[in-house]
Amino acid sequence: MTFGDAIAEMQFDKKVRRDGWDRDQFIFLVPGSTFKVNRPPLSTIYPLGTEIEYLPHIDLRRNDDETIEVWTAPHVDLVAIDWRIVPG
């Protein structure tokens, strides 16, 4: 499927990956949310209790250490047609 198809699937809480990626590496949609500031580093910018809005974004689960990071798509991934839904 295309990256556009992958985005559509992520709207339904699906995880997706490219064929060439490691089995345990994938991207997923993080919906927007409201967060009350309760700890650093945000408390060094806003007063405690301030509500801030997190905008929707895509995160990547890294395979090497199982950490999560914000994902910025390289052009090669945007035009790829080998996107797949991660089972489970």
C-alpha atoms as a PDB file:
ATOM      1  CA  MET A   1       0.000   0.000   0.000  1.00  0.00           C
ATOM      2  CA  THR A   2       1.058   3.624  -0.386  1.00  0.00           C
ATOM      3  CA  PHE A   3       1.976   5.987   2.426  1.00  0.00           C
ATOM      4  CA  GLY A   4      -1.442   7.617   1.995  1.00  0.00           C
ATOM      5  CA  ASP A   5      -3.031   4.210   2.578  1.00  0.00           C
ATOM      6  CA  ALA A   6      -0.767   3.721   5.612  1.00  0.00           C
ATOM      7  CA  ILE A   7      -1.913   7.041   7.102  1.00  0.00           C
ATOM      8  CA  ALA A   8      -5.527   6.021   6.578  1.00  0.00           C
ATOM      9  CA  GLU A   9      -4.891   2.744   8.426  1.00  0.00           C
ATOM     10  CA  MET A  10      -3.153   4.560  11.280  1.00  0.00           C
ATOM     11  CA  GLN A  11      -6.329   6.634  11.717  1.00  0.00           C
ATOM     12  CA  PHE A  12      -7.906   3.335  12.821  1.00  0.00           C
ATOM     13  CA  ASP A  13      -5.158   2.596  15.389  1.00  0.00           C
ATOM     14  CA  LYS A  14      -3.208   0.309  13.051  1.00  0.00           C
ATOM     15  CA  LYS A  15       0.583   0.115  13.172  1.00  0.00           C
ATOM     16  CA  VAL A  16       2.396   0.056   9.826  1.00  0.00           C
ATOM     17  CA  ARG A  17       5.874  -0.654   8.508  1.00  0.00           C
ATOM     18  CA  ARG A  18       7.776  -1.007   5.264  1.00  0.00           C
ATOM     19  CA  ASP A  19       8.629  -4.443   3.867  1.00  0.00           C
ATOM     20  CA  GLY A  20      12.361  -3.891   4.364  1.00  0.00           C
ATOM     21  CA  TRP A  21      12.089  -2.785   7.989  1.00  0.00           C
ATOM     22  CA  ASP A  22      12.843  -5.082  10.896  1.00  0.00           C
ATOM     23  CA  ARG A  23       9.827  -7.058  12.088  1.00  0.00           C
ATOM     24  CA  ASP A  24       9.539  -5.146  15.385  1.00  0.00           C
ATOM     25  CA  GLN A  25       9.986  -1.661  13.891  1.00  0.00           C
ATOM     26  CA  PHE A  26       6.861   0.277  12.959  1.00  0.00           C
ATOM     27  CA  ILE A  27       5.172   3.678  12.967  1.00  0.00           C
ATOM     28  CA  PHE A  28       1.876   4.663  14.556  1.00  0.00           C
ATOM     29  CA  LEU A  29      -0.310   7.729  14.933  1.00  0.00           C
ATOM     30  CA  VAL A  30      -0.313   9.573  18.235  1.00  0.00           C
ATOM     31  CA  PRO A  31      -3.598  11.502  18.446  1.00  0.00           C
ATOM     32  CA  GLY A  32      -3.656  15.031  19.737  1.00  0.00           C
ATOM     33  CA  SER A  33      -4.314  15.524  23.418  1.00  0.00           C
ATOM     34  CA  THR A  34      -4.393  18.061  26.213  1.00  0.00           C
ATOM     35  CA  PHE A  35      -1.751  17.778  28.914  1.00  0.00           C
ATOM     36  CA  LYS A  36      -1.497  19.538  32.275  1.00  0.00           C
ATOM     37  CA  VAL A  37       2.062  20.613  32.989  1.00  0.00           C
ATOM     38  CA  ASN A  38       3.295  18.698  36.031  1.00  0.00           C
ATOM     39  CA  ARG A  39       7.065  18.210  35.600  1.00  0.00           C
ATOM     40  CA  PRO A  40      10.179  19.424  33.794  1.00  0.00           C
ATOM     41  CA  PRO A  41      10.968  20.260  31.116  1.00  0.00           C
ATOM     42  CA  LEU A  42       7.542  21.814  30.519  1.00  0.00           C
ATOM     43  CA  SER A  43       7.409  23.252  34.047  1.00  0.00           C
ATOM     44  CA  THR A  44      10.466  25.336  33.169  1.00  0.00           C
ATOM     45  CA  ILE A  45       8.467  26.905  30.341  1.00  0.00           C
ATOM     46  CA  TYR A  46       4.885  27.001  31.697  1.00  0.00           C
ATOM     47  CA  PRO A  47       3.464  27.288  35.214  1.00  0.00           C
ATOM     48  CA  LEU A  48       2.439  23.982  36.829  1.00  0.00           C
ATOM     49  CA  GLY A  49      -1.139  23.074  35.930  1.00  0.00           C
ATOM     50  CA  THR A  50      -1.121  24.971  32.639  1.00  0.00           C
ATOM     51  CA  GLU A  51      -3.012  23.025  29.980  1.00  0.00           C
ATOM     52  CA  ILE A  52      -1.137  22.683  26.731  1.00  0.00           C
ATOM     53  CA  GLU A  53      -2.230  21.008  23.541  1.00  0.00           C
ATOM     54  CA  TYR A  54      -0.128  18.294  21.916  1.00  0.00           C
ATOM     55  CA  LEU A  55      -0.829  18.063  18.209  1.00  0.00           C
ATOM     56  CA  PRO A  56      -1.232  14.715  16.436  1.00  0.00           C
ATOM     57  CA  HIS A  57       2.005  13.235  15.109  1.00  0.00           C
ATOM     58  CA  ILE A  58       3.572   9.964  14.012  1.00  0.00           C
ATOM     59  CA  ASP A  59       5.969   8.038  16.255  1.00  0.00           C
ATOM     60  CA  LEU A  60       8.414   5.265  15.386  1.00  0.00           C
ATOM     61  CA  ARG A  61       9.082   2.229  17.536  1.00  0.00           C
ATOM     62  CA  ARG A  62      12.769   1.536  17.091  1.00  0.00           C
ATOM     63  CA  ASN A  63      13.784  -2.076  16.795  1.00  0.00           C
ATOM     64  CA  ASP A  64      17.295  -1.798  18.197  1.00  0.00           C
ATOM     65  CA  ASP A  65      16.375  -0.664  21.712  1.00  0.00           C
ATOM     66  CA  GLU A  66      12.544  -0.680  21.648  1.00  0.00           C
ATOM     67  CA  THR A  67      12.359   3.065  22.296  1.00  0.00           C
ATOM     68  CA  ILE A  68       9.837   5.437  20.757  1.00  0.00           C
ATOM     69  CA  GLU A  69      10.752   8.594  18.884  1.00  0.00           C
ATOM     70  CA  VAL A  70       8.929  11.184  16.806  1.00  0.00           C
ATOM     71  CA  TRP A  71       9.217  10.119  13.182  1.00  0.00           C
ATOM     72  CA  THR A  72       9.863  12.410  10.242  1.00  0.00           C
ATOM     73  CA  ALA A  73       9.357  10.583   6.970  1.00  0.00           C
ATOM     74  CA  PRO A  74      12.220  10.567   4.489  1.00  0.00           C
ATOM     75  CA  HIS A  75      11.160  11.088   0.885  1.00  0.00           C
ATOM     76  CA  VAL A  76      11.864   7.466   0.006  1.00  0.00           C
ATOM     77  CA  ASP A  77       9.218   6.359   2.530  1.00  0.00           C
ATOM     78  CA  LEU A  78       6.667   8.886   1.275  1.00  0.00           C
ATOM     79  CA  VAL A  79       6.724   7.471  -2.254  1.00  0.00           C
ATOM     80  CA  ALA A  80       7.096   3.796  -1.310  1.00  0.00           C
ATOM     81  CA  ILE A  81       4.343   1.313  -2.162  1.00  0.00           C
ATOM     82  CA  ASP A  82       5.462  -1.493   0.163  1.00  0.00           C
ATOM     83  CA  TRP A  83       3.736  -0.359   3.359  1.00  0.00           C
ATOM     84  CA  ARG A  84       2.099  -3.133   5.399  1.00  0.00           C
ATOM     85  CA  ILE A  85      -0.145  -3.322   8.455  1.00  0.00           C
ATOM     86  CA  VAL A  86       1.623  -4.849  11.448  1.00  0.00           C
ATOM     87  CA  PRO A  87      -0.362  -7.895  12.601  1.00  0.00           C
ATOM     88  CA  GLY A  88      -1.788  -7.941  16.090  1.00  0.00           C
END
